[in-house]
């Protein structure tokens, strides 16, 4: 019967993918089976992740379980925020306008540009010498 009260969603950012499961609870967040404070060292990342709960006033109503793969710390935090936001919309569709207005439901599509052949990186070229 537990699956009936679980709300699942996926969030992506850069190279990171976050699979989020919201369950009615007391407001705990576990990321890859570790507490939020242990997984995300930077305070800015933790604030970013908690924003959807603060906007919808659901900070102490749900426990969040997340599996995150790929990318770095800021990309993973952004992916988790999008996943939580999408799960909250499934919980209560009236949250959609609040979260959309705050910009939490927009998928940030910026990705790393690929390295080109004959160049040092995506844009940087090798130095040209005349003589």
N, C-alpha and C. Protein backbone atom coordinates (compact mmCIF):
# COMPACT_ATOMS: atom_id res chain seq x y z
N UNK A 1 0.82 -1.21 0.00
CA UNK A 1 0.00 0.00 0.00
C UNK A 1 0.85 1.26 0.00
N UNK A 2 2.16 1.13 0.27
CA UNK A 2 3.03 2.29 0.36
C UNK A 2 3.19 2.99 -0.98
N UNK A 3 3.13 2.26 -2.08
CA UNK A 3 3.32 2.87 -3.39
C UNK A 3 2.18 3.82 -3.75
N UNK A 4 1.01 3.67 -3.13
CA UNK A 4 -0.12 4.55 -3.42
C UNK A 4 0.13 5.97 -2.88
N UNK A 5 0.93 6.10 -1.81
CA UNK A 5 1.18 7.41 -1.23
C UNK A 5 2.56 7.96 -1.60
N UNK A 6 3.27 7.27 -2.49
CA UNK A 6 4.58 7.75 -2.94
C UNK A 6 4.43 8.49 -4.26
N UNK A 7 5.11 9.62 -4.38
CA UNK A 7 5.05 10.43 -5.60
C UNK A 7 6.44 10.48 -6.21
N UNK A 8 6.57 9.96 -7.44
CA UNK A 8 7.87 9.86 -8.10
C UNK A 8 8.00 10.87 -9.22
N UNK A 9 9.21 11.40 -9.40
CA UNK A 9 9.49 12.33 -10.50
C UNK A 9 10.98 12.30 -10.81
N UNK A 10 11.31 12.81 -11.99
CA UNK A 10 12.71 12.86 -12.43
C UNK A 10 13.08 14.30 -12.73
N UNK A 11 14.26 14.71 -12.29
CA UNK A 11 14.78 16.04 -12.60
C UNK A 11 16.15 15.92 -13.24
N UNK A 12 16.43 16.78 -14.22
CA UNK A 12 17.72 16.75 -14.90
C UNK A 12 18.33 18.16 -14.93
N UNK A 13 19.67 18.21 -14.87
CA UNK A 13 20.40 19.48 -14.99
C UNK A 13 21.83 19.14 -15.37
N UNK A 14 22.34 19.77 -16.43
CA UNK A 14 23.67 19.48 -16.97
C UNK A 14 23.79 17.97 -17.23
N UNK A 15 24.71 17.30 -16.57
CA UNK A 15 24.87 15.85 -16.78
C UNK A 15 24.21 15.03 -15.66
N UNK A 16 23.52 15.69 -14.75
CA UNK A 16 22.95 15.02 -13.58
C UNK A 16 21.51 14.59 -13.81
N UNK A 17 21.17 13.44 -13.25
CA UNK A 17 19.79 12.93 -13.28
C UNK A 17 19.41 12.57 -11.85
N UNK A 18 18.30 13.14 -11.37
CA UNK A 18 17.83 12.88 -10.01
C UNK A 18 16.47 12.19 -10.07
N UNK A 19 16.38 11.01 -9.47
CA UNK A 19 15.10 10.32 -9.34
C UNK A 19 14.60 10.57 -7.92
N UNK A 20 13.44 11.19 -7.83
CA UNK A 20 12.92 11.66 -6.54
C UNK A 20 11.66 10.90 -6.16
N UNK A 21 11.57 10.57 -4.87
CA UNK A 21 10.37 9.91 -4.33
C UNK A 21 9.93 10.70 -3.11
N UNK A 22 8.72 11.25 -3.14
CA UNK A 22 8.16 11.97 -2.00
C UNK A 22 7.17 11.07 -1.28
N UNK A 23 7.33 10.97 0.03
CA UNK A 23 6.46 10.16 0.87
C UNK A 23 5.98 11.04 2.03
N UNK A 24 4.70 10.98 2.40
CA UNK A 24 4.27 11.77 3.56
C UNK A 24 5.12 11.47 4.78
N UNK A 25 5.61 12.52 5.43
CA UNK A 25 6.50 12.33 6.58
C UNK A 25 6.75 13.62 7.32
N UNK A 26 7.99 13.76 7.85
CA UNK A 26 8.31 14.90 8.72
C UNK A 26 9.26 15.92 8.09
N UNK A 27 9.67 15.71 6.85
CA UNK A 27 10.51 16.71 6.19
C UNK A 27 11.97 16.31 6.05
N UNK A 28 12.30 15.04 6.18
CA UNK A 28 13.68 14.60 6.00
C UNK A 28 14.02 14.44 4.53
N UNK A 29 15.29 14.66 4.20
CA UNK A 29 15.75 14.50 2.82
C UNK A 29 16.95 13.57 2.82
N UNK A 30 16.85 12.44 2.12
CA UNK A 30 17.95 11.50 1.96
C UNK A 30 18.38 11.50 0.50
N UNK A 31 19.68 11.71 0.27
CA UNK A 31 20.22 11.69 -1.08
C UNK A 31 21.24 10.56 -1.17
N UNK A 32 20.98 9.61 -2.05
CA UNK A 32 21.82 8.41 -2.18
C UNK A 32 22.07 7.75 -0.81
N UNK A 33 21.00 7.62 -0.04
CA UNK A 33 20.98 7.00 1.29
C UNK A 33 21.84 7.75 2.32
N UNK A 34 22.09 9.04 2.06
CA UNK A 34 22.82 9.88 3.01
C UNK A 34 22.00 11.12 3.30
N UNK A 35 22.10 11.66 4.54
CA UNK A 35 21.36 12.89 4.86
C UNK A 35 21.81 14.05 3.96
N UNK A 36 20.90 14.98 3.73
CA UNK A 36 21.15 16.12 2.85
C UNK A 36 22.40 16.89 3.26
N UNK A 37 22.57 17.12 4.57
CA UNK A 37 23.70 17.90 5.07
C UNK A 37 25.04 17.21 4.83
N UNK A 38 25.04 15.88 4.80
CA UNK A 38 26.28 15.14 4.54
C UNK A 38 26.60 15.07 3.06
N UNK A 39 25.57 15.03 2.22
CA UNK A 39 25.79 14.86 0.78
C UNK A 39 26.18 16.18 0.11
N UNK A 40 25.42 17.24 0.40
CA UNK A 40 25.72 18.55 -0.18
C UNK A 40 26.43 19.40 0.87
N UNK A 41 27.71 19.65 0.64
CA UNK A 41 28.54 20.38 1.61
C UNK A 41 28.23 21.87 1.59
N UNK A 42 28.02 22.44 0.39
CA UNK A 42 27.76 23.88 0.28
C UNK A 42 26.35 24.23 0.75
N UNK A 43 26.27 25.28 1.53
CA UNK A 43 24.98 25.76 2.04
C UNK A 43 24.08 26.23 0.91
N UNK A 44 24.66 26.83 -0.14
CA UNK A 44 23.86 27.33 -1.26
C UNK A 44 23.11 26.20 -1.97
N UNK A 45 23.76 25.03 -2.07
CA UNK A 45 23.09 23.88 -2.69
C UNK A 45 21.92 23.40 -1.84
N UNK A 46 22.10 23.39 -0.53
CA UNK A 46 21.02 22.95 0.37
C UNK A 46 19.84 23.92 0.33
N UNK A 47 20.13 25.22 0.27
CA UNK A 47 19.06 26.23 0.17
C UNK A 47 18.30 26.04 -1.14
N UNK A 48 19.03 25.80 -2.23
CA UNK A 48 18.42 25.61 -3.55
C UNK A 48 17.45 24.43 -3.54
N UNK A 49 17.85 23.35 -2.88
CA UNK A 49 17.04 22.14 -2.85
C UNK A 49 15.75 22.33 -2.03
N UNK A 50 15.83 23.11 -0.96
CA UNK A 50 14.67 23.30 -0.08
C UNK A 50 13.66 24.33 -0.58
N UNK A 51 14.03 25.09 -1.63
CA UNK A 51 13.16 26.16 -2.13
C UNK A 51 11.75 25.70 -2.52
N UNK A 52 11.58 24.59 -3.27
CA UNK A 52 10.21 24.19 -3.63
C UNK A 52 9.32 23.91 -2.41
N UNK A 53 9.91 23.34 -1.36
CA UNK A 53 9.14 23.07 -0.14
C UNK A 53 8.73 24.37 0.54
N UNK A 54 9.62 25.37 0.54
CA UNK A 54 9.32 26.64 1.19
C UNK A 54 8.24 27.41 0.44
N UNK A 55 8.29 27.40 -0.89
CA UNK A 55 7.31 28.13 -1.69
C UNK A 55 5.91 27.54 -1.51
N UNK A 56 5.82 26.21 -1.39
CA UNK A 56 4.52 25.54 -1.26
C UNK A 56 4.11 25.28 0.19
N UNK A 57 4.94 25.68 1.16
CA UNK A 57 4.68 25.46 2.60
C UNK A 57 4.47 23.98 2.93
N UNK A 58 5.32 23.12 2.35
CA UNK A 58 5.23 21.67 2.60
C UNK A 58 6.53 21.13 3.19
N UNK A 59 7.31 21.99 3.83
CA UNK A 59 8.64 21.59 4.33
C UNK A 59 8.58 20.45 5.34
N UNK A 60 7.53 20.40 6.17
CA UNK A 60 7.45 19.36 7.21
C UNK A 60 6.38 18.31 6.91
N UNK A 61 5.92 18.24 5.66
CA UNK A 61 4.85 17.30 5.31
C UNK A 61 5.31 16.09 4.53
N UNK A 62 6.52 16.18 3.91
CA UNK A 62 6.99 15.08 3.08
C UNK A 62 8.44 14.72 3.39
N UNK A 63 8.73 13.42 3.31
CA UNK A 63 10.10 12.95 3.32
C UNK A 63 10.51 12.74 1.88
N UNK A 64 11.74 13.11 1.55
CA UNK A 64 12.23 13.03 0.18
C UNK A 64 13.37 12.02 0.12
N UNK A 65 13.25 11.06 -0.79
CA UNK A 65 14.30 10.08 -1.05
C UNK A 65 14.74 10.28 -2.49
N UNK A 66 16.05 10.52 -2.70
CA UNK A 66 16.53 10.81 -4.04
C UNK A 66 17.75 9.96 -4.38
N UNK A 67 17.79 9.51 -5.63
CA UNK A 67 18.97 8.86 -6.19
C UNK A 67 19.48 9.78 -7.29
N UNK A 68 20.73 10.21 -7.16
CA UNK A 68 21.30 11.13 -8.13
C UNK A 68 22.54 10.51 -8.75
N UNK A 69 22.65 10.64 -10.09
CA UNK A 69 23.82 10.12 -10.80
C UNK A 69 24.34 11.20 -11.74
N UNK A 70 25.66 11.23 -11.90
CA UNK A 70 26.30 12.08 -12.89
C UNK A 70 26.45 13.53 -12.48
N UNK A 71 27.37 14.22 -13.18
CA UNK A 71 27.54 15.65 -12.97
C UNK A 71 28.26 16.00 -11.68
N UNK A 72 28.25 17.29 -11.38
CA UNK A 72 28.90 17.80 -10.17
C UNK A 72 27.86 18.24 -9.15
N UNK A 73 28.33 18.89 -8.12
CA UNK A 73 27.47 19.25 -6.99
C UNK A 73 26.34 20.21 -7.38
N UNK A 74 26.66 21.28 -8.11
CA UNK A 74 25.63 22.26 -8.45
C UNK A 74 24.63 21.69 -9.45
N UNK A 75 25.09 20.87 -10.39
CA UNK A 75 24.19 20.23 -11.34
C UNK A 75 23.25 19.26 -10.65
N UNK A 76 23.78 18.52 -9.68
CA UNK A 76 22.96 17.57 -8.93
C UNK A 76 21.93 18.30 -8.08
N UNK A 77 22.31 19.43 -7.49
CA UNK A 77 21.37 20.22 -6.69
C UNK A 77 20.24 20.75 -7.56
N UNK A 78 20.57 21.23 -8.74
CA UNK A 78 19.55 21.73 -9.67
C UNK A 78 18.62 20.64 -10.15
N UNK A 79 19.18 19.45 -10.40
CA UNK A 79 18.37 18.31 -10.83
C UNK A 79 17.41 17.88 -9.72
N UNK A 80 17.90 17.89 -8.48
CA UNK A 80 17.07 17.51 -7.35
C UNK A 80 15.95 18.52 -7.13
N UNK A 81 16.23 19.80 -7.29
CA UNK A 81 15.19 20.83 -7.14
C UNK A 81 14.09 20.64 -8.18
N UNK A 82 14.45 20.36 -9.42
CA UNK A 82 13.46 20.14 -10.47
C UNK A 82 12.64 18.89 -10.18
N UNK A 83 13.31 17.82 -9.72
CA UNK A 83 12.61 16.58 -9.39
C UNK A 83 11.61 16.77 -8.26
N UNK A 84 12.01 17.49 -7.22
CA UNK A 84 11.11 17.76 -6.09
C UNK A 84 9.92 18.60 -6.55
N UNK A 85 10.19 19.60 -7.39
CA UNK A 85 9.12 20.47 -7.89
C UNK A 85 8.11 19.67 -8.70
N UNK A 86 8.60 18.80 -9.58
CA UNK A 86 7.70 17.98 -10.39
C UNK A 86 6.89 17.02 -9.54
N UNK A 87 7.50 16.46 -8.50
CA UNK A 87 6.78 15.56 -7.60
C UNK A 87 5.70 16.31 -6.82
N UNK A 88 5.99 17.55 -6.40
CA UNK A 88 5.00 18.35 -5.68
C UNK A 88 3.80 18.69 -6.56
N UNK A 89 4.02 18.87 -7.86
CA UNK A 89 2.91 19.12 -8.78
C UNK A 89 2.02 17.89 -8.87
N UNK A 90 2.61 16.70 -8.81
CA UNK A 90 1.82 15.46 -8.81
C UNK A 90 1.01 15.35 -7.52
N UNK A 91 1.62 15.78 -6.39
CA UNK A 91 0.92 15.75 -5.10
C UNK A 91 -0.32 16.64 -5.15
N UNK A 92 -0.14 17.88 -5.59
CA UNK A 92 -1.24 18.85 -5.64
C UNK A 92 -1.07 19.74 -6.86
N UNK A 93 -1.90 19.56 -7.90
CA UNK A 93 -1.77 20.36 -9.13
C UNK A 93 -1.89 21.87 -8.93
N UNK A 94 -2.46 22.31 -7.80
CA UNK A 94 -2.56 23.75 -7.56
C UNK A 94 -1.19 24.38 -7.27
N UNK A 95 -0.18 23.55 -6.94
CA UNK A 95 1.18 24.06 -6.71
C UNK A 95 1.85 24.49 -8.01
N UNK A 96 1.32 24.04 -9.15
CA UNK A 96 1.98 24.27 -10.43
C UNK A 96 2.20 25.75 -10.73
N UNK A 97 1.19 26.58 -10.47
CA UNK A 97 1.33 28.01 -10.76
C UNK A 97 2.37 28.66 -9.85
N UNK A 98 2.40 28.27 -8.57
CA UNK A 98 3.39 28.81 -7.63
C UNK A 98 4.81 28.44 -8.05
N UNK A 99 5.00 27.17 -8.38
CA UNK A 99 6.33 26.69 -8.75
C UNK A 99 6.77 27.24 -10.10
N UNK A 100 5.82 27.38 -11.03
CA UNK A 100 6.14 27.93 -12.35
C UNK A 100 6.55 29.40 -12.23
N UNK A 101 5.84 30.15 -11.37
CA UNK A 101 6.14 31.57 -11.16
C UNK A 101 7.54 31.74 -10.55
N UNK A 102 7.93 30.83 -9.68
CA UNK A 102 9.25 30.88 -9.06
C UNK A 102 10.35 30.36 -9.98
N UNK A 103 9.97 29.73 -11.08
CA UNK A 103 10.95 29.22 -12.04
C UNK A 103 11.51 27.86 -11.72
N UNK A 104 10.82 27.09 -10.88
CA UNK A 104 11.34 25.79 -10.47
C UNK A 104 10.94 24.65 -11.40
N UNK A 105 10.00 24.88 -12.31
CA UNK A 105 9.55 23.82 -13.21
C UNK A 105 10.22 23.90 -14.58
N UNK A 106 11.11 24.88 -14.78
CA UNK A 106 11.80 25.02 -16.05
C UNK A 106 13.06 24.17 -16.05
N UNK A 107 13.20 23.35 -17.08
CA UNK A 107 14.39 22.51 -17.23
C UNK A 107 15.48 23.39 -17.84
N UNK A 108 16.58 23.57 -17.13
CA UNK A 108 17.69 24.37 -17.63
C UNK A 108 18.44 23.52 -18.66
N UNK A 109 18.29 23.85 -19.94
CA UNK A 109 18.80 22.99 -21.01
C UNK A 109 20.26 23.25 -21.37
N UNK A 110 20.92 24.16 -20.66
CA UNK A 110 22.32 24.45 -20.98
C UNK A 110 23.20 23.24 -20.69
N UNK A 111 23.94 22.83 -21.70
CA UNK A 111 24.84 21.69 -21.57
C UNK A 111 26.25 22.11 -21.97
N UNK A 112 27.22 21.30 -21.61
CA UNK A 112 28.60 21.57 -21.98
C UNK A 112 28.76 21.39 -23.49
N UNK A 113 29.42 22.37 -24.11
CA UNK A 113 29.66 22.29 -25.56
C UNK A 113 30.78 21.30 -25.82
N UNK A 114 30.64 20.52 -26.88
CA UNK A 114 31.63 19.48 -27.14
C UNK A 114 32.92 20.05 -27.69
N UNK A 115 34.01 19.34 -27.45
CA UNK A 115 35.31 19.72 -27.97
C UNK A 115 35.34 19.43 -29.47
N UNK A 116 35.90 20.38 -30.25
CA UNK A 116 35.99 20.19 -31.69
C UNK A 116 37.39 19.67 -32.06
N UNK A 117 37.45 18.91 -33.16
CA UNK A 117 38.76 18.40 -33.60
C UNK A 117 39.60 19.55 -34.12
N UNK A 118 40.91 19.44 -33.99
CA UNK A 118 41.81 20.50 -34.43
C UNK A 118 41.83 21.70 -33.50
N UNK A 119 41.18 21.57 -32.35
CA UNK A 119 41.15 22.66 -31.38
C UNK A 119 41.52 22.13 -30.01
N UNK A 120 41.86 23.08 -29.13
CA UNK A 120 42.23 22.69 -27.78
C UNK A 120 41.00 22.37 -26.93
N UNK A 121 39.89 23.06 -27.18
CA UNK A 121 38.65 22.82 -26.43
C UNK A 121 37.45 23.04 -27.31
N UNK A 122 36.35 23.50 -26.74
CA UNK A 122 35.15 23.75 -27.51
C UNK A 122 35.33 24.98 -28.40
N UNK A 123 35.95 26.02 -27.86
CA UNK A 123 36.15 27.26 -28.61
C UNK A 123 37.63 27.62 -28.79
N UNK A 124 38.43 27.31 -27.78
CA UNK A 124 39.84 27.72 -27.81
C UNK A 124 40.60 26.96 -28.91
N UNK A 125 41.40 27.73 -29.67
CA UNK A 125 42.21 27.13 -30.71
C UNK A 125 43.66 27.02 -30.25
N UNK A 126 44.43 26.22 -31.01
CA UNK A 126 45.87 26.19 -30.77
C UNK A 126 46.47 27.50 -31.28
N UNK A 127 47.55 27.95 -30.66
CA UNK A 127 48.16 29.21 -31.03
C UNK A 127 48.75 29.13 -32.45
N UNK A 128 48.47 30.17 -33.24
CA UNK A 128 48.97 30.22 -34.62
C UNK A 128 50.26 31.03 -34.65
N UNK A 129 51.30 30.47 -35.27
CA UNK A 129 52.56 31.19 -35.39
C UNK A 129 52.82 31.50 -36.86
N UNK A 130 53.27 32.72 -37.11
CA UNK A 130 53.51 33.15 -38.49
C UNK A 130 54.85 32.59 -38.99
N UNK A 131 55.89 32.62 -38.15
CA UNK A 131 57.22 32.14 -38.58
C UNK A 131 57.75 31.07 -37.65
